[in-house]
Amino acid sequence: MTRLTAIFCIIATTAAAFYEFEEDTKSLDKRANRNGKYLRPCYFTNWAQYRKPRAKYMPEDYIPGLCTHILFAFGWMKEDFTVKAFDPADLPNDWAGQGMYKRVNALKLKDPGLKTLISIGGWSFGTRLFEEMARTDAGRKTFIDSSILFARKYDFDGIDIDWEYPKGPEVKDHFTALINELRAAVEAEATGFGRERLLVTAAVSAGIATIDDAYDIPNIAKPFDFVNLMSYDFWGAWDGVVGMNSPLYSRSDLTPPQRYWNVDWAAKHWVEKGMPREKLLIGLGTYGRGFTLTDANREKPMNTSGNQPAKITEFVQEAGVASYYELCEMLIGGAQRHWHGEHQVPYLTNGSQWWSYDDEESFKKKVTTPLPTPPPETSRAPMVTNPKVPTPPGVIMPNPQTFTLPASMNICSAKTDGFYKSDASCSHFILCLDGSGYPMTCPSGLQFSATKGYCVQPKNSGCVSTFSSFTTLPTPEPSSEKPIVVTSESIVTESGSRFTCGEKLDGFYSDPKDCARFYRCVAGTAYHFHCSPGTFFNPKTSDCDSVSKEQCPK
């Protein structure tokens, strides 16, 4: 019998890692499996940079050897089915002339053998464009060609499809065609140019209804290098019914379909349907989902309804969700840890607050328990940043590490959030957020105005360069693609001001008062941006383009 091997990975408050059976990996393509033992892909989320300092995660925080693959979350798709960056900070010339793509791919220099993939889609992207694209041969070809060019341009080693979810008989067939055509295209591109083939992977559902409705498993198994099973989020505060985020097994009082909402059943179902065990990577969640109980004195609140999300935590800033280190701090602060015998996972209680999560004991159970029909093993789920708290009993804590900011960024240590001039040149400036500094560059031909706080024409900047010599920031590579937005000006607006993210999904939103400005919502916080001169925000494309001010929706 095969046993699973576990590791706690530290990537970001929303990332992931994966594992599969050691004995089965011999059949995996060597491009997918670098060490012949097990896969350990991790999702890197580009919005982790916006969190408060202690919860922030940057590419340079990565520990070599932590992951075998990094999947960059996320790339998005335009209305014409071509791939685009989701965040301005991903692209060159947005963050000190480099961008997050370059910073993540630079990790391959200090971690030989590491592979990176661009993950396209995500829950907040929705399904409309995926469905429209996959409906026709021409649409799929446009997307596939664009995906390959995008991956090569930004130095990724593969393409990860995060379509949540391709449901329905017709859409299922379109998804099958897309994956098979994508695999054929990456093979042809590799052969034609004498390159190493791009990897093809996907994030897939662990819910029985979606599995059966969305995936023609026998016909998608072969083209995938591996798939990442989202075996978590089985229960959550969205419907008010108390349950476990990622139970290993079912519970005796549950009936279908809830009886199937567990890691054991989901993995077996995928294998029984035809996915090779060595290609199925199982998600292990390193975060928690919580509830505010309507009756805090109830002895057994499981499966009760009408409950509200747990209170918002300091760092995640989303009701009903907490990072692992926040749960550790709850235990230190007096919360009580309990163990559910049937589900084989822990939960904690603190008055009316009830949290489901995973810790060292449950991970050991999940990865060392022999299963009659062994499913693959692996984990995908939000990872945690380095906590600076003592280790409570029964909980494993990530190892601390040191990350020193460049001296040029320390100017923000005593400054309020905002934009400040840079000593590099008139076209450079510093964005200060929560005491950390981020060097930025004005759009071509503009200079930063310290009095106005944004980039303007040189004659209006008031900047006089007195630098006879300075270190030139890296020049961004030429690009025919227009960035999503040009962040020539931005301010941070917390919830409760004139624009409130509230319950809005993370993403870009119009400024109702100014067509040349827009907001980005990240975990409930609003960031205010200004389009480059002569352009206006287009909510249909989440881009600043040449649409006239009169056409801009109010």
Protein backbone atom coordinates (compact mmCIF):
# COMPACT_ATOMS: atom_id res chain seq x y z
CA MET A 1 0.00 0.00 0.00
CA THR A 2 1.17 3.46 -0.84
CA ARG A 3 1.32 6.13 1.83
CA LEU A 4 1.23 9.85 1.20
CA THR A 5 3.94 12.32 2.14
CA ALA A 6 3.08 15.76 3.50
CA ILE A 7 4.68 19.16 3.80
CA PHE A 8 3.39 22.52 4.96
CA CYS A 9 4.06 25.01 2.19
CA ILE A 10 4.38 28.75 2.65
CA ILE A 11 3.34 30.68 -0.43
CA ALA A 12 0.61 33.23 0.24
CA THR A 13 -2.75 33.36 1.89
CA THR A 14 -4.22 31.99 -1.32
CA ALA A 15 -1.82 29.54 -2.96
CA ALA A 16 -1.36 25.81 -3.22
CA ALA A 17 0.86 22.76 -3.40
CA PHE A 18 0.30 19.21 -4.70
CA TYR A 19 1.60 15.63 -4.30
CA GLU A 20 1.13 12.23 -5.93
CA PHE A 21 2.07 8.61 -5.27
CA GLU A 22 5.81 8.10 -5.26
CA GLU A 23 5.63 4.68 -6.89
CA ASP A 24 3.40 5.88 -9.71
CA THR A 25 5.46 8.87 -10.88
CA LYS A 26 7.66 6.79 -13.17
CA SER A 27 4.97 7.12 -15.84
CA LEU A 28 4.90 10.92 -15.62
CA ASP A 29 6.59 12.99 -18.28
CA LYS A 30 9.96 14.17 -16.95
CA ARG A 31 8.95 17.76 -17.75
CA ALA A 32 6.13 17.46 -15.22
CA ASN A 33 8.08 15.55 -12.59
CA ARG A 34 11.58 16.86 -12.00
CA ASN A 35 12.75 14.59 -9.17
CA GLY A 36 11.15 11.22 -9.91
CA LYS A 37 9.41 11.14 -6.52
CA TYR A 38 6.44 13.46 -6.23
CA LEU A 39 5.01 16.69 -7.58
CA ARG A 40 4.63 19.73 -5.38
CA PRO A 41 3.06 22.55 -7.44
CA CYS A 42 2.19 25.78 -5.62
CA TYR A 43 -0.14 28.59 -6.66
CA PHE A 44 1.32 32.09 -6.38
CA THR A 45 -1.37 34.79 -6.15
CA ASN A 46 -0.56 38.25 -7.43
CA TRP A 47 -2.87 39.92 -4.90
CA ALA A 48 -0.84 38.74 -1.89
CA GLN A 49 1.37 41.81 -2.46
CA TYR A 50 -1.49 44.07 -1.35
CA ARG A 51 -1.98 42.59 2.09
CA LYS A 52 -0.82 44.18 5.31
CA PRO A 53 2.96 43.85 5.87
CA ARG A 54 2.97 40.71 7.98
CA ALA A 55 0.61 38.95 5.58
CA LYS A 56 2.28 40.20 2.43
CA TYR A 57 3.98 37.67 0.16
CA MET A 58 6.44 38.58 -2.58
CA PRO A 59 8.31 36.32 -5.04
CA GLU A 60 11.56 37.03 -3.19
CA ASP A 61 10.06 35.40 -0.07
CA TYR A 62 10.09 32.03 -1.82
CA ILE A 63 12.21 29.30 -0.22
CA PRO A 64 14.17 27.28 -2.83
CA GLY A 65 13.02 23.67 -2.93
CA LEU A 66 9.58 24.45 -1.53
CA CYS A 67 7.77 23.70 -4.81
CA THR A 68 8.39 21.71 -7.97
CA HIS A 69 6.09 24.03 -9.94
CA ILE A 70 4.68 27.53 -9.40
CA LEU A 71 1.35 28.33 -11.02
CA PHE A 72 0.88 32.10 -11.36
CA ALA A 73 -2.69 33.10 -10.50
CA PHE A 74 -4.12 34.52 -12.63
CA GLY A 75 -4.06 35.47 -16.27
CA TRP A 76 -7.35 36.56 -17.81
CA MET A 77 -8.92 36.66 -21.27
CA LYS A 78 -10.02 39.58 -23.44
CA GLU A 79 -13.31 39.72 -25.35
CA ASP A 80 -11.44 38.61 -28.50
CA PHE A 81 -10.29 35.45 -26.63
CA THR A 82 -6.64 36.50 -26.37
CA VAL A 83 -4.86 36.23 -23.02
CA LYS A 84 -4.08 39.32 -20.94
CA ALA A 85 -2.48 40.11 -17.59
CA PHE A 86 -4.94 40.55 -14.73
CA ASP A 87 -2.98 43.12 -12.73
CA PRO A 88 -0.82 46.04 -13.95
CA ALA A 89 1.84 44.90 -11.47
CA ASP A 90 2.30 41.66 -13.46
CA LEU A 91 3.75 43.41 -16.50
CA PRO A 92 7.09 45.08 -17.21
CA ASN A 93 7.36 48.78 -16.33
CA ASP A 94 4.79 48.53 -13.54
CA TRP A 95 7.02 47.54 -10.64
CA ALA A 96 10.53 48.98 -11.08
CA GLY A 97 10.45 48.06 -14.76
CA GLN A 98 10.14 44.33 -14.10
CA GLY A 99 6.67 43.15 -13.13
CA MET A 100 5.57 40.11 -11.13
CA TYR A 101 5.94 37.74 -14.09
CA LYS A 102 9.67 38.41 -14.30
CA ARG A 103 10.10 38.30 -10.54
CA VAL A 104 8.40 34.91 -10.25
CA ASN A 105 10.24 33.43 -13.21
CA ALA A 106 13.54 34.73 -11.81
CA LEU A 107 13.09 32.18 -9.01
CA LYS A 108 14.18 29.51 -11.47
CA LEU A 109 17.68 30.96 -11.26
CA LYS A 110 17.97 30.10 -7.56
CA ASP A 111 15.88 26.92 -7.69
CA PRO A 112 17.15 24.84 -10.65
CA GLY A 113 14.49 22.56 -12.04
CA LEU A 114 11.59 24.73 -10.86
CA LYS A 115 8.84 25.08 -13.48
CA THR A 116 6.38 27.95 -13.76
CA LEU A 117 2.94 28.02 -15.39
CA ILE A 118 0.50 30.83 -16.12
CA SER A 119 -2.90 29.91 -14.67
CA ILE A 120 -5.73 31.38 -16.74
CA GLY A 121 -9.17 32.02 -15.25
CA GLY A 122 -10.05 31.58 -11.58
CA TRP A 123 -13.36 31.75 -9.73
CA SER A 124 -13.81 35.52 -10.10
CA PHE A 125 -13.21 35.34 -13.87
CA GLY A 126 -16.46 33.44 -14.35
CA THR A 127 -17.46 31.16 -17.22
CA ARG A 128 -18.93 33.39 -19.97
CA LEU A 129 -15.77 34.05 -21.96
CA PHE A 130 -14.54 30.47 -21.54
CA GLU A 131 -17.85 29.17 -22.91
CA GLU A 132 -17.92 31.62 -25.82
CA MET A 133 -14.29 30.90 -26.69
CA ALA A 134 -14.59 27.10 -26.56
CA ARG A 135 -17.82 27.04 -28.60
CA THR A 136 -16.07 27.33 -31.99
CA ASP A 137 -12.95 26.01 -33.67
CA ALA A 138 -11.85 29.58 -34.42
CA GLY A 139 -12.37 30.71 -30.83
CA ARG A 140 -10.35 27.84 -29.40
CA LYS A 141 -7.54 28.40 -31.91
CA THR A 142 -7.34 32.10 -31.05
CA PHE A 143 -7.14 31.34 -27.34
CA ILE A 144 -4.64 28.50 -27.74
CA ASP A 145 -2.33 30.49 -30.02
CA SER A 146 -2.50 33.48 -27.68
CA SER A 147 -1.86 31.32 -24.60
CA ILE A 148 1.27 29.80 -26.13
CA LEU A 149 2.60 33.19 -27.22
CA PHE A 150 1.82 34.66 -23.80
CA ALA A 151 3.55 31.82 -21.94
CA ARG A 152 6.64 32.05 -24.15
CA LYS A 153 6.78 35.86 -24.03
CA TYR A 154 6.85 35.95 -20.24
CA ASP A 155 9.05 32.85 -19.78
CA PHE A 156 6.47 30.42 -18.36
CA ASP A 157 6.92 26.67 -18.78
CA GLY A 158 3.27 25.76 -19.11
CA ILE A 159 -0.41 26.71 -19.19
CA ASP A 160 -2.86 25.94 -16.37
CA ILE A 161 -6.59 26.18 -17.18
CA ASP A 162 -8.71 27.29 -14.19
CA TRP A 163 -12.20 27.19 -15.74
CA GLU A 164 -14.73 26.99 -12.90
CA TYR A 165 -16.62 25.12 -14.34
CA PRO A 166 -17.42 23.77 -17.86
CA LYS A 167 -20.85 22.41 -16.91
CA GLY A 168 -23.44 20.88 -19.26
CA PRO A 169 -23.16 18.25 -22.03
CA GLU A 170 -22.34 20.72 -24.82
CA VAL A 171 -19.86 22.75 -22.76
CA LYS A 172 -18.24 19.52 -21.52
CA ASP A 173 -17.56 18.53 -25.14
CA HIS A 174 -16.11 21.98 -25.86
CA PHE A 175 -13.80 21.71 -22.83
CA THR A 176 -12.63 18.28 -24.01
CA ALA A 177 -11.86 19.69 -27.46
CA LEU A 178 -10.04 22.67 -25.94
CA ILE A 179 -7.73 20.53 -23.81
CA ASN A 180 -6.92 18.08 -26.60
CA GLU A 181 -6.28 20.88 -29.08
CA LEU A 182 -4.14 22.75 -26.55
CA ARG A 183 -1.97 19.68 -25.98
CA ALA A 184 -1.60 19.10 -29.73
CA ALA A 185 -0.67 22.75 -30.24
CA VAL A 186 2.03 22.85 -27.53
CA GLU A 187 3.55 19.68 -28.95
CA ALA A 188 3.57 21.12 -32.49
CA GLU A 189 5.04 24.41 -31.24
CA ALA A 190 7.80 22.61 -29.35
CA THR A 191 8.68 20.42 -32.32
CA GLY A 192 8.57 23.28 -34.80
CA PHE A 193 10.86 25.57 -32.79
CA GLY A 194 13.03 22.93 -31.13
CA ARG A 195 11.88 23.93 -27.64
CA GLU A 196 10.91 22.03 -24.53
CA ARG A 197 7.17 21.43 -24.61
CA LEU A 198 4.89 23.62 -22.50
CA LEU A 199 3.05 21.76 -19.73
CA VAL A 200 -0.76 21.49 -19.81
CA THR A 201 -2.58 21.34 -16.45
CA ALA A 202 -5.92 22.38 -14.92
CA ALA A 203 -7.70 23.02 -11.63
CA VAL A 204 -10.72 20.68 -11.38
CA SER A 205 -13.74 20.29 -9.12
CA ALA A 206 -14.13 17.81 -6.26
CA GLY A 207 -17.95 18.01 -6.17
CA ILE A 208 -19.85 14.99 -7.54
CA ALA A 209 -22.40 17.00 -9.51
CA THR A 210 -19.74 19.13 -11.18
CA ILE A 211 -17.36 16.22 -11.84
CA ASP A 212 -20.02 14.23 -13.67
CA ASP A 213 -21.46 17.26 -15.46
CA ALA A 214 -18.25 19.02 -16.47
CA TYR A 215 -15.54 16.49 -17.30
CA ASP A 216 -15.27 13.73 -19.91
CA ILE A 217 -12.48 12.20 -17.85
CA PRO A 218 -11.44 9.33 -20.18
CA ASN A 219 -10.93 11.81 -23.02
CA ILE A 220 -9.11 14.54 -21.06
CA ALA A 221 -6.84 12.30 -18.98
CA LYS A 222 -4.19 11.75 -21.67
CA PRO A 223 -3.52 15.39 -22.75
CA PHE A 224 -3.04 16.63 -19.18
CA ASP A 225 0.35 16.45 -17.50
CA PHE A 226 -1.52 16.61 -14.19
CA VAL A 227 -4.72 18.06 -12.73
CA ASN A 228 -5.15 19.87 -9.41
CA LEU A 229 -8.16 18.60 -7.50
CA MET A 230 -9.80 21.37 -5.48
CA SER A 231 -10.63 19.05 -2.59
CA TYR A 232 -11.58 21.80 -0.16
CA ASP A 233 -14.39 24.36 0.20
CA PHE A 234 -16.88 21.51 0.64
CA TRP A 235 -18.68 23.59 3.28
CA GLY A 236 -18.55 27.33 3.92
CA ALA A 237 -20.52 30.28 5.23
CA TRP A 238 -22.17 30.95 1.84
CA ASP A 239 -25.24 28.86 2.77
CA GLY A 240 -25.09 29.16 6.58
CA VAL A 241 -24.87 25.39 7.14
CA VAL A 242 -22.05 24.41 9.50
CA GLY A 243 -19.64 21.87 8.01
CA MET A 244 -15.99 21.06 7.45
CA ASN A 245 -13.91 22.83 4.84
CA SER A 246 -12.01 19.71 3.79
CA PRO A 247 -13.05 16.52 5.63
CA LEU A 248 -11.05 13.39 4.93
CA TYR A 249 -14.07 11.09 5.27
CA SER A 250 -17.85 11.42 5.38
CA ARG A 251 -20.11 11.40 8.47
CA SER A 252 -22.67 8.73 9.38
CA ASP A 253 -25.63 11.12 9.54
CA LEU A 254 -25.06 12.61 6.08
CA THR A 255 -27.10 11.66 3.02
CA PRO A 256 -26.30 12.26 -0.68
CA PRO A 257 -25.01 14.50 -2.05
CA GLN A 258 -23.35 15.76 1.18
CA ARG A 259 -22.17 12.22 1.87
CA TYR A 260 -19.76 12.63 -1.06
CA TRP A 261 -18.29 15.96 0.10
CA ASN A 262 -14.92 14.70 1.31
CA VAL A 263 -11.36 14.17 0.10
CA ASP A 264 -11.51 10.37 0.12
CA TRP A 265 -14.62 10.10 -2.03
CA ALA A 266 -13.65 12.83 -4.52
CA ALA A 267 -10.23 11.31 -5.22
CA LYS A 268 -11.63 7.81 -5.67
CA HIS A 269 -14.35 9.11 -8.00
CA TRP A 270 -11.84 10.79 -10.31
CA VAL A 271 -9.71 7.64 -10.45
CA GLU A 272 -12.71 5.38 -11.01
CA LYS A 273 -13.82 7.64 -13.87
CA GLY A 274 -10.49 7.20 -15.62
CA MET A 275 -7.93 9.75 -14.36
CA PRO A 276 -4.57 8.05 -13.74
CA ARG A 277 -3.67 8.23 -10.06
CA GLU A 278 -0.25 9.70 -10.82
CA LYS A 279 -1.85 12.67 -12.60
CA LEU A 280 -4.38 13.57 -9.88
CA LEU A 281 -3.08 15.97 -7.24
CA ILE A 282 -5.18 16.33 -4.10
CA GLY A 283 -5.77 19.69 -2.44
CA LEU A 284 -4.79 20.14 1.21
CA GLY A 285 -6.17 23.37 2.62
CA THR A 286 -3.95 25.48 4.86
CA TYR A 287 -6.65 27.99 5.71
CA GLY A 288 -9.92 27.82 7.59
CA ARG A 289 -13.61 28.54 7.01
CA GLY A 290 -15.73 29.73 9.90
CA PHE A 291 -19.21 30.53 11.13
CA THR A 292 -20.86 32.76 13.71
CA LEU A 293 -23.27 30.32 15.36
CA THR A 294 -26.87 31.31 15.98
CA ASP A 295 -26.71 29.21 19.16
CA ALA A 296 -23.25 29.29 20.72
CA ASN A 297 -24.36 26.89 23.48
CA ARG A 298 -25.46 24.12 21.13
CA GLU A 299 -23.36 21.03 21.85
CA LYS A 300 -23.27 19.75 18.25
CA PRO A 301 -23.69 22.61 15.74
CA MET A 302 -22.67 20.52 12.70
CA ASN A 303 -25.26 20.66 9.89
CA THR A 304 -27.31 23.39 11.59
CA SER A 305 -28.53 26.14 9.27
CA GLY A 306 -29.10 29.88 9.53
CA ASN A 307 -25.57 30.65 10.75
CA GLN A 308 -23.61 33.70 9.64
CA PRO A 309 -19.98 33.94 8.44
CA ALA A 310 -17.32 34.13 11.15
CA LYS A 311 -15.99 37.58 12.00
CA ILE A 312 -13.51 39.27 9.66
CA THR A 313 -9.89 38.58 10.63
CA GLU A 314 -7.10 41.14 10.66
CA PHE A 315 -5.21 39.98 7.59
CA VAL A 316 -7.51 38.09 5.23
CA GLN A 317 -10.24 40.70 5.64
CA GLU A 318 -13.01 38.40 4.38
CA ALA A 319 -15.81 37.23 6.64
CA GLY A 320 -15.73 33.46 7.14
CA VAL A 321 -12.12 32.91 6.00
CA ALA A 322 -8.89 32.90 8.03
CA SER A 323 -5.26 32.14 7.24
CA TYR A 324 -3.55 29.35 9.11
CA TYR A 325 -1.43 31.68 11.24
CA GLU A 326 -4.57 33.59 12.25
CA LEU A 327 -6.07 30.34 13.47
CA CYS A 328 -2.87 29.68 15.42
CA GLU A 329 -3.26 33.04 17.11
CA MET A 330 -6.90 32.23 17.96
CA LEU A 331 -5.68 29.09 19.76
CA ILE A 332 -3.05 31.07 21.62
CA GLY A 333 -5.73 33.59 22.56
CA GLY A 334 -7.97 31.02 24.22
CA ALA A 335 -9.90 29.24 21.46
CA GLN A 336 -10.45 25.52 22.02
CA ARG A 337 -9.26 22.89 19.56
CA HIS A 338 -11.48 19.84 18.98
CA TRP A 339 -11.15 16.72 16.85
CA HIS A 340 -13.95 15.22 14.74
CA GLY A 341 -13.62 11.45 14.83
CA GLU A 342 -15.54 10.68 11.63
CA HIS A 343 -14.26 13.52 9.44
CA GLN A 344 -10.72 13.11 10.84
CA VAL A 345 -10.05 16.85 10.88
CA PRO A 346 -9.90 19.48 13.66
CA TYR A 347 -12.12 22.45 14.39
CA LEU A 348 -11.89 25.23 16.95
CA THR A 349 -14.47 27.09 18.99
CA ASN A 350 -14.38 30.44 20.71
CA GLY A 351 -17.79 31.55 21.97
CA SER A 352 -20.02 31.96 18.93
CA GLN A 353 -17.06 31.54 16.54
CA TRP A 354 -16.68 28.07 14.98
CA TRP A 355 -13.81 27.32 12.57
CA SER A 356 -12.96 24.30 10.41
CA TYR A 357 -9.32 23.96 9.35
CA ASP A 358 -6.37 21.57 8.92
CA ASP A 359 -3.28 21.20 11.09
CA GLU A 360 -0.36 18.81 11.44
CA GLU A 361 -2.45 15.95 12.81
CA SER A 362 -5.11 16.07 10.08
CA PHE A 363 -2.48 16.39 7.36
CA LYS A 364 -0.74 13.29 8.72
CA LYS A 365 -4.08 11.47 8.65
CA LYS A 366 -4.76 12.56 5.09
CA VAL A 367 -1.35 11.64 3.76
CA THR A 368 -0.51 8.48 5.70
CA THR A 369 -3.81 6.60 5.78
CA PRO A 370 -3.75 3.72 3.27
CA LEU A 371 -6.85 3.79 1.08
CA PRO A 372 -8.43 0.68 -0.49
CA THR A 373 -8.22 2.28 -3.92
CA PRO A 374 -5.29 4.64 -3.41
CA PRO A 375 -5.99 8.08 -4.83
CA PRO A 376 -3.11 10.33 -5.80
CA GLU A 377 -1.90 12.71 -3.21
CA THR A 378 -1.17 16.29 -3.44
CA SER A 379 -2.37 19.56 -2.13
CA ARG A 380 -3.81 22.71 -3.53
CA ALA A 381 -5.18 25.34 -1.24
CA PRO A 382 -4.39 28.66 0.27
CA MET A 383 -0.96 28.68 1.85
CA VAL A 384 0.18 30.90 4.69
CA THR A 385 2.79 33.57 5.14
CA ASN A 386 5.32 33.38 7.96
CA PRO A 387 3.60 33.73 11.32
CA LYS A 388 5.53 35.36 14.15
CA VAL A 389 3.66 33.68 17.00
CA PRO A 390 4.53 30.78 19.35
CA THR A 391 3.54 27.29 18.30
CA PRO A 392 0.35 26.13 20.05
CA PRO A 393 -0.03 22.45 20.98
CA GLY A 394 -1.08 20.21 18.11
CA VAL A 395 -0.26 22.78 15.41
CA ILE A 396 2.70 22.88 13.04
CA MET A 397 4.12 26.30 12.25
CA PRO A 398 6.12 27.30 9.15
CA ASN A 399 9.80 28.05 9.63
CA PRO A 400 10.64 31.76 9.92
CA GLN A 401 12.75 33.43 7.29
CA THR A 402 14.33 36.85 6.80
CA PHE A 403 13.55 39.14 3.89
CA THR A 404 15.36 42.48 3.73
CA LEU A 405 13.84 45.29 1.68
CA PRO A 406 16.15 47.31 -0.55
CA ALA A 407 17.40 50.48 1.12
CA SER A 408 15.44 52.59 -1.37
CA MET A 409 12.20 51.16 0.03
CA ASN A 410 12.94 52.07 3.65
CA ILE A 411 11.91 55.69 3.04
CA CYS A 412 8.31 54.57 3.62
CA SER A 413 8.84 53.40 7.20
CA ALA A 414 7.51 56.65 8.71
CA LYS A 415 5.27 57.82 5.86
CA THR A 416 1.54 57.59 5.31
CA ASP A 417 0.25 55.65 2.30
CA GLY A 418 0.72 57.54 -0.96
CA PHE A 419 3.16 58.49 -3.72
CA TYR A 420 6.54 60.12 -3.15
CA LYS A 421 9.34 61.31 -5.39
CA SER A 422 12.25 59.00 -6.09
CA ASP A 423 15.93 59.86 -6.06
CA ALA A 424 16.41 57.75 -9.19
CA SER A 425 15.06 60.21 -11.77
CA CYS A 426 12.12 62.49 -12.56
CA SER A 427 10.23 59.64 -14.25
CA HIS A 428 10.42 57.36 -11.22
CA PHE A 429 8.50 57.53 -7.94
CA ILE A 430 7.76 55.44 -4.85
CA LEU A 431 4.41 53.99 -3.80
CA CYS A 432 4.21 53.65 0.01
CA LEU A 433 1.72 51.13 1.41
CA ASP A 434 1.64 50.07 5.05
CA GLY A 435 5.24 51.16 5.59
CA SER A 436 6.62 49.28 2.59
CA GLY A 437 7.89 50.99 -0.55
CA TYR A 438 7.46 49.98 -4.19
CA PRO A 439 9.47 51.75 -6.92
CA MET A 440 7.31 52.65 -9.93
CA THR A 441 7.81 54.24 -13.33
CA CYS A 442 5.72 56.86 -15.12
CA PRO A 443 4.33 56.10 -18.59
CA SER A 444 6.75 56.95 -21.39
CA GLY A 445 7.27 60.71 -21.81
CA LEU A 446 5.82 61.70 -18.41
CA GLN A 447 7.45 62.75 -15.13
CA PHE A 448 6.31 62.49 -11.54
CA SER A 449 5.00 65.63 -9.89
CA ALA A 450 5.61 65.65 -6.13
CA THR A 451 3.04 68.42 -5.60
CA LYS A 452 0.29 66.75 -7.64
CA GLY A 453 1.13 63.17 -6.65
CA TYR A 454 0.92 61.73 -10.16
CA CYS A 455 2.69 61.70 -13.55
CA VAL A 456 2.33 64.73 -15.82
CA GLN A 457 3.97 66.35 -18.83
CA PRO A 458 7.61 67.23 -18.04
CA LYS A 459 6.96 70.99 -18.28
CA ASN A 460 4.36 70.68 -15.48
CA SER A 461 6.23 68.30 -13.18
CA GLY A 462 8.39 70.86 -11.38
CA CYS A 463 11.12 68.25 -11.31
CA VAL A 464 14.69 69.33 -12.08
CA SER A 465 17.07 66.42 -12.51
CA THR A 466 20.29 67.03 -10.61
CA PHE A 467 21.61 63.53 -10.98
CA SER A 468 24.79 63.26 -13.02
CA SER A 469 24.68 59.53 -12.60
CA PHE A 470 22.32 56.98 -11.16
CA THR A 471 21.46 53.35 -11.50
CA THR A 472 19.09 52.85 -14.41
CA LEU A 473 16.09 50.66 -13.72
CA PRO A 474 15.66 47.67 -16.02
CA THR A 475 14.11 48.57 -19.36
CA PRO A 476 10.83 46.76 -19.98
CA GLU A 477 10.80 44.43 -22.91
CA PRO A 478 8.97 45.69 -26.01
CA SER A 479 5.34 44.72 -26.12
CA SER A 480 2.63 45.10 -28.71
CA GLU A 481 0.04 44.48 -26.03
CA LYS A 482 -1.47 47.38 -24.15
CA PRO A 483 -1.37 46.96 -20.36
CA ILE A 484 -4.71 46.52 -18.66
CA VAL A 485 -4.35 49.92 -17.06
CA VAL A 486 -1.71 52.59 -16.67
CA THR A 487 -1.18 53.36 -13.01
CA SER A 488 0.11 56.89 -13.39
CA GLU A 489 -1.73 57.89 -10.25
CA SER A 490 -3.28 55.94 -7.42
CA ILE A 491 -4.45 56.40 -3.88
CA VAL A 492 -5.73 53.92 -1.35
CA THR A 493 -9.30 54.37 -0.20
CA GLU A 494 -10.40 52.23 2.72
CA SER A 495 -13.92 50.88 3.03
CA GLY A 496 -16.36 53.49 4.22
CA SER A 497 -15.11 56.31 2.02
CA ARG A 498 -16.71 57.58 -1.19
CA PHE A 499 -16.15 54.18 -2.86
CA THR A 500 -16.64 50.99 -0.89
CA CYS A 501 -15.68 47.52 -2.08
CA GLY A 502 -18.01 45.97 0.49
CA GLU A 503 -19.22 42.63 -0.85
CA LYS A 504 -17.77 43.20 -4.32
CA LEU A 505 -15.57 40.50 -5.82
CA ASP A 506 -11.89 41.31 -6.27
CA GLY A 507 -11.49 43.12 -9.58
CA PHE A 508 -11.69 46.47 -11.38
CA TYR A 509 -14.60 48.93 -11.13
CA SER A 510 -15.53 52.26 -12.73
CA ASP A 511 -15.24 55.49 -10.80
CA PRO A 512 -18.81 56.87 -10.95
CA LYS A 513 -17.47 60.41 -10.65
CA ASP A 514 -14.65 60.31 -13.20
CA CYS A 515 -14.41 58.23 -16.40
CA ALA A 516 -10.63 58.61 -16.44
CA ARG A 517 -10.30 56.88 -13.09
CA PHE A 518 -11.18 53.45 -11.72
CA TYR A 519 -10.91 51.29 -8.61
CA ARG A 520 -9.38 47.91 -7.93
CA CYS A 521 -10.89 45.92 -5.05
CA VAL A 522 -8.55 43.58 -3.19
CA ALA A 523 -9.93 41.77 -0.13
CA GLY A 524 -12.39 44.56 0.62
CA THR A 525 -9.92 47.42 0.19
CA ALA A 526 -10.28 49.90 -2.67
CA TYR A 527 -7.25 51.13 -4.62
CA HIS A 528 -7.83 54.21 -6.78
CA PHE A 529 -6.08 54.49 -10.16
CA HIS A 530 -5.91 57.05 -12.97
CA CYS A 531 -5.79 56.21 -16.67
CA SER A 532 -3.01 57.66 -18.81
CA PRO A 533 -3.77 61.06 -20.41
CA GLY A 534 -6.31 60.86 -23.23
CA THR A 535 -7.77 57.48 -22.25
CA PHE A 536 -10.80 56.45 -20.21
CA PHE A 537 -11.68 53.35 -18.22
CA ASN A 538 -13.75 50.76 -20.08
CA PRO A 539 -15.53 48.44 -17.62
CA LYS A 540 -16.23 45.90 -20.38
CA THR A 541 -12.54 45.23 -20.88
CA SER A 542 -11.19 46.39 -17.47
CA ASP A 543 -8.83 48.52 -19.51
CA CYS A 544 -8.04 52.15 -20.19
CA ASP A 545 -8.67 52.76 -23.89
CA SER A 546 -9.65 55.46 -26.33
CA VAL A 547 -13.37 55.31 -25.70
CA SER A 548 -14.66 58.86 -25.49
CA LYS A 549 -15.66 60.42 -22.20
CA GLU A 550 -19.22 60.75 -23.49
CA GLN A 551 -19.39 56.96 -24.00
CA CYS A 552 -18.11 56.17 -20.55
CA PRO A 553 -20.90 54.65 -18.44
CA LYS A 554 -21.86 56.59 -15.35
